[in-house]
């Protein structure tokens, strides 16, 4: 079984200026952008990324601790894995 885990990727985020804002990247992959507004910065992220308290986070699927599931997509009715 998998669960979502929030990982701090702040140290891996880079940015490039673009049209009055910045594009954000993790390992050269675009994750979102920041635009400068009169009421502060506006962040828009790709699915699976967020920003809180001046840190950037990525949400990833990780296997739950203690589970050692070896097979997935098993057909329980016919018994095939």
Protein backbone atom coordinates (compact mmCIF):
# COMPACT_ATOMS: atom_id res chain seq x y z
CA UNK A 1 0.00 0.00 0.00
CA UNK A 2 1.22 3.49 -0.79
CA UNK A 3 0.72 6.79 0.96
CA UNK A 4 1.54 10.39 0.02
CA UNK A 5 4.62 11.83 1.70
CA UNK A 6 5.64 15.50 1.70
CA UNK A 7 9.35 15.94 0.93
CA UNK A 8 11.25 19.23 1.33
CA UNK A 9 12.88 20.00 -2.05
CA UNK A 10 13.82 23.63 -1.27
CA UNK A 11 17.55 23.06 -1.77
CA UNK A 12 16.92 21.59 -5.24
CA UNK A 13 14.68 24.41 -6.57
CA UNK A 14 16.09 26.80 -9.16
CA UNK A 15 14.38 29.72 -10.86
CA UNK A 16 14.62 31.69 -14.11
CA UNK A 17 13.16 35.14 -14.73
CA UNK A 18 10.25 35.03 -17.18
CA UNK A 19 7.62 37.67 -18.14
CA UNK A 20 7.51 39.63 -14.87
CA UNK A 21 7.93 36.58 -12.68
CA UNK A 22 9.98 33.44 -12.35
CA UNK A 23 9.65 29.86 -13.53
CA UNK A 24 10.56 27.27 -10.88
CA UNK A 25 12.41 24.01 -11.55
CA UNK A 26 13.54 20.92 -9.66
CA UNK A 27 16.36 19.06 -11.41
CA UNK A 28 15.62 21.04 -14.61
CA UNK A 29 11.96 19.91 -14.58
CA UNK A 30 9.38 22.74 -14.40
CA UNK A 31 7.34 22.65 -11.19
CA UNK A 32 5.56 26.03 -11.25
CA UNK A 33 5.93 29.78 -11.42
CA UNK A 34 5.86 32.89 -9.27
CA UNK A 35 4.29 36.18 -10.36
CA UNK A 36 4.77 39.45 -8.56
CA UNK A 37 1.57 41.26 -7.66
CA UNK A 38 0.64 44.33 -5.65
CA UNK A 39 -0.64 42.11 -2.83
CA UNK A 40 2.45 39.87 -2.80
CA UNK A 41 3.80 36.91 -4.70
CA UNK A 42 1.42 34.47 -6.37
CA UNK A 43 2.54 30.86 -6.72
CA UNK A 44 1.15 28.37 -9.26
CA UNK A 45 2.45 24.81 -9.09
CA UNK A 46 2.27 21.66 -11.13
CA UNK A 47 0.37 18.82 -9.48
CA UNK A 48 2.38 17.31 -6.64
CA UNK A 49 4.23 20.49 -5.58
CA UNK A 50 3.50 23.25 -3.06
CA UNK A 51 5.07 26.08 -1.07
CA UNK A 52 4.68 26.75 2.67
CA UNK A 53 6.64 29.01 5.03
CA UNK A 54 9.35 29.82 2.44
CA UNK A 55 9.96 26.13 1.63
CA UNK A 56 9.05 24.06 -1.44
CA UNK A 57 7.55 20.58 -1.14
CA UNK A 58 6.98 17.62 -3.45
CA UNK A 59 4.33 15.01 -2.69
CA UNK A 60 5.37 11.49 -3.64
CA UNK A 61 3.95 8.00 -3.19
CA UNK A 62 5.94 5.86 -0.77
CA UNK A 63 5.30 2.37 0.49
CA UNK A 64 3.88 2.27 4.01
CA UNK A 65 6.33 1.14 6.67
CA UNK A 66 6.05 -2.49 7.70
CA UNK A 67 4.34 -3.63 4.52
CA UNK A 68 6.15 -5.93 2.14
CA UNK A 69 3.59 -6.36 -0.59
CA UNK A 70 5.29 -8.25 -3.43
CA UNK A 71 2.47 -8.44 -5.95
CA UNK A 72 0.09 -5.84 -7.30
CA UNK A 73 -2.89 -5.97 -9.64
CA UNK A 74 -3.79 -9.51 -8.58
CA UNK A 75 -7.02 -11.06 -9.85
CA UNK A 76 -8.39 -12.31 -6.55
CA UNK A 77 -11.27 -14.20 -8.17
CA UNK A 78 -9.09 -16.33 -10.46
CA UNK A 79 -5.98 -16.27 -8.24
CA UNK A 80 -3.62 -14.79 -10.86
CA UNK A 81 -0.95 -12.20 -10.10
